[in-house]
PDB file of N, CA and C in Angstrom:
ATOM      1  N   MET A   1      36.363 -25.781  22.569  1.00  0.00           N
ATOM      2  CA  MET A   1      36.781 -27.088  23.257  1.00  0.00           C
ATOM      3  C   MET A   1      35.644 -27.916  23.259  1.00  0.00           C
ATOM      4  N   THR A   2      35.696 -29.180  22.626  1.00  0.00           N
ATOM      5  CA  THR A   2      34.410 -30.072  22.698  1.00  0.00           C
ATOM      6  C   THR A   2      34.638 -31.155  23.820  1.00  0.00           C
ATOM      7  N   ALA A   3      33.663 -31.280  24.742  1.00  0.00           N
ATOM      8  CA  ALA A   3      33.827 -32.443  25.709  1.00  0.00           C
ATOM      9  C   ALA A   3      32.615 -33.304  25.680  1.00  0.00           C
ATOM     10  N   GLU A   4      32.728 -34.434  26.066  1.00  0.00           N
ATOM     11  CA  GLU A   4      31.630 -35.344  26.227  1.00  0.00           C
ATOM     12  C   GLU A   4      30.774 -34.951  27.337  1.00  0.00           C
ATOM     13  N   HIS A   5      29.457 -34.903  27.359  1.00  0.00           N
ATOM     14  CA  HIS A   5      28.607 -34.651  28.160  1.00  0.00           C
ATOM     15  C   HIS A   5      28.561 -35.924  29.130  1.00  0.00           C
ATOM     16  N   PRO A   6      28.394 -35.701  30.477  1.00  0.00           N
ATOM     17  CA  PRO A   6      28.519 -36.989  31.366  1.00  0.00           C
ATOM     18  C   PRO A   6      27.177 -37.748  31.259  1.00  0.00           C
ATOM     19  N   TYR A   7      26.191 -37.376  30.585  1.00  0.00           N
ATOM     20  CA  TYR A   7      24.910 -38.186  30.421  1.00  0.00           C
ATOM     21  C   TYR A   7      24.636 -38.141  29.030  1.00  0.00           C
ATOM     22  N   PRO A   8      23.905 -39.209  28.507  1.00  0.00           N
ATOM     23  CA  PRO A   8      23.572 -39.325  27.113  1.00  0.00           C
ATOM     24  C   PRO A   8      22.822 -38.113  26.647  1.00  0.00           C
ATOM     25  N   VAL A   9      23.140 -37.570  25.669  1.00  0.00           N
ATOM     26  CA  VAL A   9      22.459 -36.398  25.094  1.00  0.00           C
ATOM     27  C   VAL A   9      22.416 -36.375  23.677  1.00  0.00           C
ATOM     28  N   ALA A  10      21.125 -36.345  23.150  1.00  0.00           N
ATOM     29  CA  ALA A  10      20.997 -36.452  21.608  1.00  0.00           C
ATOM     30  C   ALA A  10      22.024 -37.409  20.926  1.00  0.00           C
ATOM     31  N   GLY A  11      21.814 -38.722  21.431  1.00  0.00           N
ATOM     32  CA  GLY A  11      22.506 -39.916  20.712  1.00  0.00           C
ATOM     33  C   GLY A  11      23.936 -39.989  21.071  1.00  0.00           C
ATOM     34  N   ASP A  12      24.321 -39.356  22.373  1.00  0.00           N
ATOM     35  CA  ASP A  12      25.659 -39.346  22.864  1.00  0.00           C
ATOM     36  C   ASP A  12      26.711 -38.688  21.957  1.00  0.00           C
ATOM     37  N   ARG A  13      26.229 -37.738  21.143  1.00  0.00           N
ATOM     38  CA  ARG A  13      27.260 -36.960  20.452  1.00  0.00           C
ATOM     39  C   ARG A  13      28.051 -35.999  21.187  1.00  0.00           C
ATOM     40  N   PRO A  14      29.208 -35.586  20.898  1.00  0.00           N
ATOM     41  CA  PRO A  14      29.959 -34.608  21.751  1.00  0.00           C
ATOM     42  C   PRO A  14      29.258 -33.260  21.844  1.00  0.00           C
ATOM     43  N   VAL A  15      29.289 -32.629  22.844  1.00  0.00           N
ATOM     44  CA  VAL A  15      28.668 -31.408  23.224  1.00  0.00           C
ATOM     45  C   VAL A  15      29.575 -30.454  23.437  1.00  0.00           C
ATOM     46  N   ASP A  16      29.484 -29.281  22.725  1.00  0.00           N
ATOM     47  CA  ASP A  16      30.487 -28.177  22.903  1.00  0.00           C
ATOM     48  C   ASP A  16      29.957 -27.341  24.132  1.00  0.00           C
ATOM     49  N   GLN A  17      30.747 -27.320  25.145  1.00  0.00           N
ATOM     50  CA  GLN A  17      30.143 -26.701  26.431  1.00  0.00           C
ATOM     51  C   GLN A  17      29.889 -25.192  26.312  1.00  0.00           C
ATOM     52  N   ALA A  18      30.830 -24.514  25.574  1.00  0.00           N
ATOM     53  CA  ALA A  18      30.631 -23.067  25.366  1.00  0.00           C
ATOM     54  C   ALA A  18      29.337 -22.730  24.597  1.00  0.00           C
ATOM     55  N   LYS A  19      29.116 -23.561  23.606  1.00  0.00           N
ATOM     56  CA  LYS A  19      27.788 -23.304  22.922  1.00  0.00           C
ATOM     57  C   LYS A  19      26.557 -23.654  23.704  1.00  0.00           C
ATOM     58  N   ARG A  20      26.769 -24.627  24.597  1.00  0.00           N
ATOM     59  CA  ARG A  20      25.715 -24.994  25.464  1.00  0.00           C
ATOM     60  C   ARG A  20      25.544 -23.839  26.505  1.00  0.00           C
ATOM     61  N   ARG A  21      26.563 -23.323  26.893  1.00  0.00           N
ATOM     62  CA  ARG A  21      26.413 -22.228  28.005  1.00  0.00           C
ATOM     63  C   ARG A  21      25.700 -21.037  27.368  1.00  0.00           C
ATOM     64  N   ALA A  22      26.238 -20.716  26.026  1.00  0.00           N
ATOM     65  CA  ALA A  22      25.658 -19.529  25.280  1.00  0.00           C
ATOM     66  C   ALA A  22      24.170 -19.734  25.043  1.00  0.00           C
ATOM     67  N   ALA A  23      23.716 -20.960  24.736  1.00  0.00           N
ATOM     68  CA  ALA A  23      22.286 -21.198  24.495  1.00  0.00           C
ATOM     69  C   ALA A  23      21.575 -21.088  25.817  1.00  0.00           C
ATOM     70  N   ALA A  24      22.113 -21.509  26.844  1.00  0.00           N
ATOM     71  CA  ALA A  24      21.370 -21.379  28.258  1.00  0.00           C
ATOM     72  C   ALA A  24      21.203 -19.900  28.585  1.00  0.00           C
ATOM     73  N   LYS A  25      22.252 -19.072  28.389  1.00  0.00           N
ATOM     74  CA  LYS A  25      22.258 -17.656  28.622  1.00  0.00           C
ATOM     75  C   LYS A  25      21.157 -16.895  27.756  1.00  0.00           C
ATOM     76  N   VAL A  26      21.126 -17.303  26.529  1.00  0.00           N
ATOM     77  CA  VAL A  26      20.154 -16.705  25.641  1.00  0.00           C
ATOM     78  C   VAL A  26      18.658 -17.110  26.190  1.00  0.00           C
ATOM     79  N   ALA A  27      18.523 -18.311  26.627  1.00  0.00           N
ATOM     80  CA  ALA A  27      17.141 -18.805  27.067  1.00  0.00           C
ATOM     81  C   ALA A  27      16.982 -17.985  28.404  1.00  0.00           C
ATOM     82  N   ALA A  28      17.989 -17.937  29.232  1.00  0.00           N
ATOM     83  CA  ALA A  28      17.552 -17.148  30.668  1.00  0.00           C
ATOM     84  C   ALA A  28      17.231 -15.595  30.294  1.00  0.00           C
ATOM     85  N   HIS A  29      17.920 -15.086  29.625  1.00  0.00           N
ATOM     86  CA  HIS A  29      17.678 -13.652  29.283  1.00  0.00           C
ATOM     87  C   HIS A  29      16.358 -13.469  28.514  1.00  0.00           C
ATOM     88  N   THR A  30      16.104 -14.402  27.718  1.00  0.00           N
ATOM     89  CA  THR A  30      14.792 -14.153  26.960  1.00  0.00           C
ATOM     90  C   THR A  30      13.663 -14.441  27.924  1.00  0.00           C
ATOM     91  N   ARG A  31      13.708 -15.386  28.858  1.00  0.00           N
ATOM     92  CA  ARG A  31      12.880 -15.555  29.819  1.00  0.00           C
ATOM     93  C   ARG A  31      12.470 -14.418  30.686  1.00  0.00           C
ATOM     94  N   TRP A  32      13.737 -13.781  31.310  1.00  0.00           N
ATOM     95  CA  TRP A  32      13.618 -12.733  32.147  1.00  0.00           C
ATOM     96  C   TRP A  32      13.089 -11.364  31.430  1.00  0.00           C
ATOM     97  N   ALA A  33      13.424 -11.157  30.118  1.00  0.00           N
ATOM     98  CA  ALA A  33      12.920 -10.075  29.336  1.00  0.00           C
ATOM     99  C   ALA A  33      11.529 -10.082  29.238  1.00  0.00           C
ATOM    100  N   HIS A  34      10.756 -11.184  29.425  1.00  0.00           N
ATOM    101  CA  HIS A  34       9.400 -11.302  29.070  1.00  0.00           C
ATOM    102  C   HIS A  34       8.630 -11.388  30.520  1.00  0.00           C
ATOM    103  N   GLU A  35       9.344 -11.373  31.514  1.00  0.00           N
ATOM    104  CA  GLU A  35       8.684 -11.612  32.933  1.00  0.00           C
ATOM    105  C   GLU A  35       8.353 -10.319  33.498  1.00  0.00           C
ATOM    106  N   ASP A  36       7.076 -10.022  33.939  1.00  0.00           N
ATOM    107  CA  ASP A  36       6.591  -8.918  34.397  1.00  0.00           C
ATOM    108  C   ASP A  36       6.980  -8.778  35.931  1.00  0.00           C
ATOM    109  N   ASP A  37       6.973  -9.773  36.652  1.00  0.00           N
ATOM    110  CA  ASP A  37       7.309  -9.651  38.031  1.00  0.00           C
ATOM    111  C   ASP A  37       8.286 -10.873  38.538  1.00  0.00           C
ATOM    112  N   ARG A  38       9.612 -10.421  38.486  1.00  0.00           N
ATOM    113  CA  ARG A  38      10.540 -11.488  38.628  1.00  0.00           C
ATOM    114  C   ARG A  38      10.464 -12.036  40.084  1.00  0.00           C
ATOM    115  N   ARG A  39      10.013 -11.161  41.102  1.00  0.00           N
ATOM    116  CA  ARG A  39       9.877 -11.530  42.426  1.00  0.00           C
ATOM    117  C   ARG A  39       8.817 -12.686  42.458  1.00  0.00           C
ATOM    118  N   ALA A  40       7.778 -12.531  41.904  1.00  0.00           N
ATOM    119  CA  ALA A  40       6.586 -13.493  41.921  1.00  0.00           C
ATOM    120  C   ALA A  40       7.074 -14.729  41.225  1.00  0.00           C
ATOM    121  N   ALA A  41       7.745 -14.530  40.225  1.00  0.00           N
ATOM    122  CA  ALA A  41       8.302 -15.748  39.447  1.00  0.00           C
ATOM    123  C   ALA A  41       9.246 -16.639  40.157  1.00  0.00           C
ATOM    124  N   THR A  42       9.986 -16.086  41.171  1.00  0.00           N
ATOM    125  CA  THR A  42      10.841 -16.972  41.924  1.00  0.00           C
ATOM    126  C   THR A  42      10.453 -17.322  43.336  1.00  0.00           C
ATOM    127  N   GLN A  43       9.269 -16.864  43.684  1.00  0.00           N
ATOM    128  CA  GLN A  43       8.776 -17.107  45.057  1.00  0.00           C
ATOM    129  C   GLN A  43       8.781 -18.486  45.395  1.00  0.00           C
ATOM    130  N   ALA A  44       8.209 -19.443  44.571  1.00  0.00           N
ATOM    131  CA  ALA A  44       8.158 -20.663  44.895  1.00  0.00           C
ATOM    132  C   ALA A  44       9.601 -21.281  45.217  1.00  0.00           C
ATOM    133  N   ALA A  45      10.576 -20.946  44.491  1.00  0.00           N
ATOM    134  CA  ALA A  45      11.973 -21.288  44.841  1.00  0.00           C
ATOM    135  C   ALA A  45      12.369 -20.806  46.379  1.00  0.00           C
ATOM    136  N   ARG A  46      12.069 -19.530  46.535  1.00  0.00           N
ATOM    137  CA  ARG A  46      12.427 -19.039  47.916  1.00  0.00           C
ATOM    138  C   ARG A  46      11.711 -19.824  49.029  1.00  0.00           C
ATOM    139  N   ASP A  47      10.443 -20.024  48.686  1.00  0.00           N
ATOM    140  CA  ASP A  47       9.638 -20.771  49.728  1.00  0.00           C
ATOM    141  C   ASP A  47      10.149 -22.024  49.880  1.00  0.00           C
ATOM    142  N   GLY A  48      10.514 -22.820  48.830  1.00  0.00           N
ATOM    143  CA  GLY A  48      11.111 -24.129  48.991  1.00  0.00           C
ATOM    144  C   GLY A  48      12.478 -24.137  49.864  1.00  0.00           C
ATOM    145  N   LEU A  49      13.235 -23.145  49.531  1.00  0.00           N
ATOM    146  CA  LEU A  49      14.557 -23.121  50.296  1.00  0.00           C
ATOM    147  C   LEU A  49      14.465 -22.820  51.865  1.00  0.00           C
ATOM    148  N   GLN A  50      13.295 -22.078  52.088  1.00  0.00           N
ATOM    149  CA  GLN A  50      12.950 -21.742  53.431  1.00  0.00           C
ATOM    150  C   GLN A  50      12.353 -22.964  54.031  1.00  0.00           C
ATOM    151  N   ARG A  51      11.696 -23.756  53.384  1.00  0.00           N
ATOM    152  CA  ARG A  51      11.103 -25.006  54.006  1.00  0.00           C
ATOM    153  C   ARG A  51      12.375 -26.053  54.210  1.00  0.00           C
ATOM    154  N   ARG A  52      13.305 -25.982  53.366  1.00  0.00           N
ATOM    155  CA  ARG A  52      14.407 -26.891  53.402  1.00  0.00           C
ATOM    156  C   ARG A  52      15.103 -26.632  54.650  1.00  0.00           C
ATOM    157  N   PHE A  53      15.379 -25.366  55.001  1.00  0.00           N
ATOM    158  CA  PHE A  53      16.140 -25.006  56.202  1.00  0.00           C
ATOM    159  C   PHE A  53      15.309 -25.266  57.434  1.00  0.00           C
ATOM    160  N   GLU A  54      14.027 -25.036  57.291  1.00  0.00           N
ATOM    161  CA  GLU A  54      13.188 -25.331  58.547  1.00  0.00           C
ATOM    162  C   GLU A  54      13.151 -26.888  58.727  1.00  0.00           C
ATOM    163  N   ASP A  55      13.086 -27.508  57.714  1.00  0.00           N
ATOM    164  CA  ASP A  55      13.187 -28.992  57.960  1.00  0.00           C
ATOM    165  C   ASP A  55      14.367 -29.626  58.537  1.00  0.00           C
ATOM    166  N   GLU A  56      15.514 -28.892  58.219  1.00  0.00           N
ATOM    167  CA  GLU A  56      16.739 -29.101  58.666  1.00  0.00           C
ATOM    168  C   GLU A  56      17.023 -28.790  60.114  1.00  0.00           C
ATOM    169  N   VAL A  57      16.344 -27.750  60.579  1.00  0.00           N
ATOM    170  CA  VAL A  57      16.575 -27.294  62.119  1.00  0.00           C
ATOM    171  C   VAL A  57      15.464 -27.824  62.917  1.00  0.00           C
ATOM    172  N   ASP A  58      14.398 -28.071  62.359  1.00  0.00           N
ATOM    173  CA  ASP A  58      13.131 -28.512  63.261  1.00  0.00           C
ATOM    174  C   ASP A  58      12.130 -29.314  62.436  1.00  0.00           C
ATOM    175  N   PRO A  59      12.544 -30.399  62.158  1.00  0.00           N
ATOM    176  CA  PRO A  59      11.682 -31.294  61.022  1.00  0.00           C
ATOM    177  C   PRO A  59      10.346 -31.533  61.647  1.00  0.00           C
ATOM    178  N   HIS A  60      10.083 -31.634  62.887  1.00  0.00           N
ATOM    179  CA  HIS A  60       8.716 -31.877  63.448  1.00  0.00           C
ATOM    180  C   HIS A  60       7.968 -30.674  63.967  1.00  0.00           C
ATOM    181  N   ARG A  61       8.623 -29.502  63.730  1.00  0.00           N
ATOM    182  CA  ARG A  61       8.005 -28.164  64.022  1.00  0.00           C
ATOM    183  C   ARG A  61       7.537 -28.113  65.480  1.00  0.00           C
ATOM    184  N   GLN A  62       8.582 -28.540  66.340  1.00  0.00           N
ATOM    185  CA  GLN A  62       8.297 -28.487  67.730  1.00  0.00           C
ATOM    186  C   GLN A  62       8.884 -27.255  68.417  1.00  0.00           C
ATOM    187  N   LEU A  63       9.786 -26.487  67.792  1.00  0.00           N
ATOM    188  CA  LEU A  63      10.301 -25.275  68.439  1.00  0.00           C
ATOM    189  C   LEU A  63       9.270 -24.105  68.326  1.00  0.00           C
ATOM    190  N   ASP A  64       9.624 -23.235  69.246  1.00  0.00           N
ATOM    191  CA  ASP A  64       8.834 -21.995  69.212  1.00  0.00           C
ATOM    192  C   ASP A  64       9.280 -21.324  67.873  1.00  0.00           C
ATOM    193  N   PRO A  65       8.324 -20.652  67.249  1.00  0.00           N
ATOM    194  CA  PRO A  65       8.617 -20.070  65.901  1.00  0.00           C
ATOM    195  C   PRO A  65       9.757 -19.008  65.974  1.00  0.00           C
ATOM    196  N   VAL A  66       9.824 -18.322  67.073  1.00  0.00           N
ATOM    197  CA  VAL A  66      10.978 -17.216  67.200  1.00  0.00           C
ATOM    198  C   VAL A  66      12.360 -18.028  67.181  1.00  0.00           C
ATOM    199  N   GLU A  67      12.437 -19.085  67.930  1.00  0.00           N
ATOM    200  CA  GLU A  67      13.657 -19.910  68.080  1.00  0.00           C
ATOM    201  C   GLU A  67      13.863 -20.594  66.656  1.00  0.00           C
ATOM    202  N   ARG A  68      12.785 -21.250  65.991  1.00  0.00           N
ATOM    203  CA  ARG A  68      13.125 -21.807  64.648  1.00  0.00           C
ATOM    204  C   ARG A  68      13.621 -20.761  63.731  1.00  0.00           C
ATOM    205  N   ALA A  69      13.058 -19.655  63.815  1.00  0.00           N
ATOM    206  CA  ALA A  69      13.503 -18.539  62.852  1.00  0.00           C
ATOM    207  C   ALA A  69      14.973 -18.234  62.918  1.00  0.00           C
ATOM    208  N   ARG A  70      15.475 -18.077  64.332  1.00  0.00           N
ATOM    209  CA  ARG A  70      16.720 -17.864  64.692  1.00  0.00           C
ATOM    210  C   ARG A  70      17.623 -18.966  64.072  1.00  0.00           C
ATOM    211  N   ARG A  71      17.288 -20.140  64.284  1.00  0.00           N
ATOM    212  CA  ARG A  71      18.048 -21.203  63.843  1.00  0.00           C
ATOM    213  C   ARG A  71      18.047 -21.368  62.364  1.00  0.00           C
ATOM    214  N   VAL A  72      16.985 -21.159  61.600  1.00  0.00           N
ATOM    215  CA  VAL A  72      16.966 -21.127  60.179  1.00  0.00           C
ATOM    216  C   VAL A  72      17.882 -20.140  59.652  1.00  0.00           C
ATOM    217  N   GLU A  73      17.925 -19.024  60.282  1.00  0.00           N
ATOM    218  CA  GLU A  73      18.834 -17.864  59.924  1.00  0.00           C
ATOM    219  C   GLU A  73      20.321 -18.406  59.949  1.00  0.00           C
ATOM    220  N   SER A  74      20.665 -18.894  61.134  1.00  0.00           N
ATOM    221  CA  SER A  74      21.971 -19.518  61.179  1.00  0.00           C
ATOM    222  C   SER A  74      22.378 -20.673  60.144  1.00  0.00           C
ATOM    223  N   ALA A  75      21.252 -21.530  59.989  1.00  0.00           N
ATOM    224  CA  ALA A  75      21.424 -22.536  58.826  1.00  0.00           C
ATOM    225  C   ALA A  75      21.707 -21.898  57.534  1.00  0.00           C
ATOM    226  N   LYS A  76      20.998 -20.819  57.164  1.00  0.00           N
ATOM    227  CA  LYS A  76      21.228 -20.243  55.887  1.00  0.00           C
ATOM    228  C   LYS A  76      22.471 -19.603  55.867  1.00  0.00           C
ATOM    229  N   ARG A  77      22.987 -18.903  56.778  1.00  0.00           N
ATOM    230  CA  ARG A  77      24.159 -18.314  56.918  1.00  0.00           C
ATOM    231  C   ARG A  77      25.440 -19.374  56.540  1.00  0.00           C
ATOM    232  N   ALA A  78      25.247 -20.397  57.365  1.00  0.00           N
ATOM    233  CA  ALA A  78      26.198 -21.519  57.096  1.00  0.00           C
ATOM    234  C   ALA A  78      26.261 -22.039  55.707  1.00  0.00           C
ATOM    235  N   HIS A  79      25.137 -22.248  55.122  1.00  0.00           N
ATOM    236  CA  HIS A  79      24.968 -22.649  53.877  1.00  0.00           C
ATOM    237  C   HIS A  79      25.571 -21.744  52.822  1.00  0.00           C
ATOM    238  N   PHE A  80      25.267 -20.436  52.864  1.00  0.00           N
ATOM    239  CA  PHE A  80      25.812 -19.589  51.961  1.00  0.00           C
ATOM    240  C   PHE A  80      27.314 -19.197  52.156  1.00  0.00           C
ATOM    241  N   THR A  81      27.656 -19.282  53.256  1.00  0.00           N
ATOM    242  CA  THR A  81      29.209 -19.223  53.515  1.00  0.00           C
ATOM    243  C   THR A  81      29.823 -20.392  53.058  1.00  0.00           C
ATOM    244  N   ARG A  82      29.317 -21.561  53.265  1.00  0.00           N
ATOM    245  CA  ARG A  82      29.948 -22.805  52.564  1.00  0.00           C
ATOM    246  C   ARG A  82      30.003 -22.606  51.149  1.00  0.00           C
ATOM    247  N   LEU A  83      28.942 -22.103  50.446  1.00  0.00           N
ATOM    248  CA  LEU A  83      28.901 -21.833  48.935  1.00  0.00           C
ATOM    249  C   LEU A  83      30.038 -20.801  48.604  1.00  0.00           C
ATOM    250  N   ALA A  84      30.146 -19.694  49.332  1.00  0.00           N
ATOM    251  CA  ALA A  84      31.096 -18.851  49.046  1.00  0.00           C
ATOM    252  C   ALA A  84      32.471 -19.360  49.124  1.00  0.00           C
ATOM    253  N   ARG A  85      32.639 -20.134  50.141  1.00  0.00           N
ATOM    254  CA  ARG A  85      34.232 -20.851  50.402  1.00  0.00           C
ATOM    255  C   ARG A  85      34.275 -21.766  49.123  1.00  0.00           C
ATOM    256  N   MET A  86      33.496 -22.461  48.724  1.00  0.00           N
ATOM    257  CA  MET A  86      33.605 -23.453  47.520  1.00  0.00           C
ATOM    258  C   MET A  86      33.829 -22.606  46.183  1.00  0.00           C
ATOM    259  N   SER A  87      33.165 -21.386  46.065  1.00  0.00           N
ATOM    260  CA  SER A  87      33.354 -20.693  44.861  1.00  0.00           C
ATOM    261  C   SER A  87      34.783 -19.954  44.812  1.00  0.00           C
ATOM    262  N   ALA A  88      35.290 -19.538  45.992  1.00  0.00           N
ATOM    263  CA  ALA A  88      36.561 -18.964  46.185  1.00  0.00           C
ATOM    264  C   ALA A  88      37.667 -20.063  45.799  1.00  0.00           C
ATOM    265  N   GLU A  89      37.379 -21.186  46.382  1.00  0.00           N
ATOM    266  CA  GLU A  89      38.369 -22.388  46.128  1.00  0.00           C
ATOM    267  C   GLU A  89      38.381 -22.668  44.610  1.00  0.00           C
ATOM    268  N   SER A  90      37.203 -22.680  44.070  1.00  0.00           N
ATOM    269  CA  SER A  90      37.150 -22.994  42.588  1.00  0.00           C
ATOM    270  C   SER A  90      37.876 -21.918  41.761  1.00  0.00           C
ATOM    271  N   ARG A  91      37.625 -20.624  42.033  1.00  0.00           N
ATOM    272  CA  ARG A  91      38.303 -19.559  41.344  1.00  0.00           C
ATOM    273  C   ARG A  91      39.915 -19.716  41.476  1.00  0.00           C
ATOM    274  N   ALA A  92      40.269 -19.902  42.788  1.00  0.00           N
ATOM    275  CA  ALA A  92      41.662 -20.090  42.925  1.00  0.00           C
ATOM    276  C   ALA A  92      42.328 -21.128  42.234  1.00  0.00           C
ATOM    277  N   ALA A  93      41.603 -22.253  42.074  1.00  0.00           N
ATOM    278  CA  ALA A  93      42.085 -23.424  41.366  1.00  0.00           C
ATOM    279  C   ALA A  93      42.130 -23.147  39.863  1.00  0.00           C
ATOM    280  N   ARG A  94      41.194 -22.534  39.378  1.00  0.00           N
ATOM    281  CA  ARG A  94      41.094 -21.927  37.913  1.00  0.00           C
ATOM    282  C   ARG A  94      42.214 -21.175  37.719  1.00  0.00           C
ATOM    283  N   LYS A  95      42.466 -20.132  38.530  1.00  0.00           N
ATOM    284  CA  LYS A  95      43.607 -19.257  38.469  1.00  0.00           C
ATOM    285  C   LYS A  95      45.128 -19.857  38.427  1.00  0.00           C
ATOM    286  N   LYS A  96      45.170 -20.950  39.192  1.00  0.00           N
ATOM    287  CA  LYS A  96      46.464 -21.655  39.186  1.00  0.00           C
ATOM    288  C   LYS A  96      46.659 -22.473  37.846  1.00  0.00           C
ATOM    289  N   SER A  97      45.585 -23.007  37.348  1.00  0.00           N
ATOM    290  CA  SER A  97      45.819 -23.717  36.142  1.00  0.00           C
ATOM    291  C   SER A  97      45.848 -23.003  34.854  1.00  0.00           C
ATOM    292  N   ALA A  98      45.588 -21.726  35.023  1.00  0.00           N
ATOM    293  CA  ALA A  98      45.648 -20.809  33.809  1.00  0.00           C
ATOM    294  C   ALA A  98      47.015 -20.361  33.543  1.00  0.00           C
TER     295      ALA A  98
END
């Protein structure tokens, strides 16, 4: 199935989403196959997510560090629970349309 990409890509030609996904998978697997330390390679992303939640619950860093950590943990749980709910809803909608 060929679909138009929502943004101009390579002269606005049609993009086959299945081919695009396959190419992305190959790229990801190739990258991880050559990565010596996956944890170190993704540390910056984890640090950024931690900062995002800290900024959300205590933007001026006025809370006691223990209280901030407790609130950050709750914000993370809410975020990931929200993602899980959206994922389940998406799967259910796909199942209905199939």
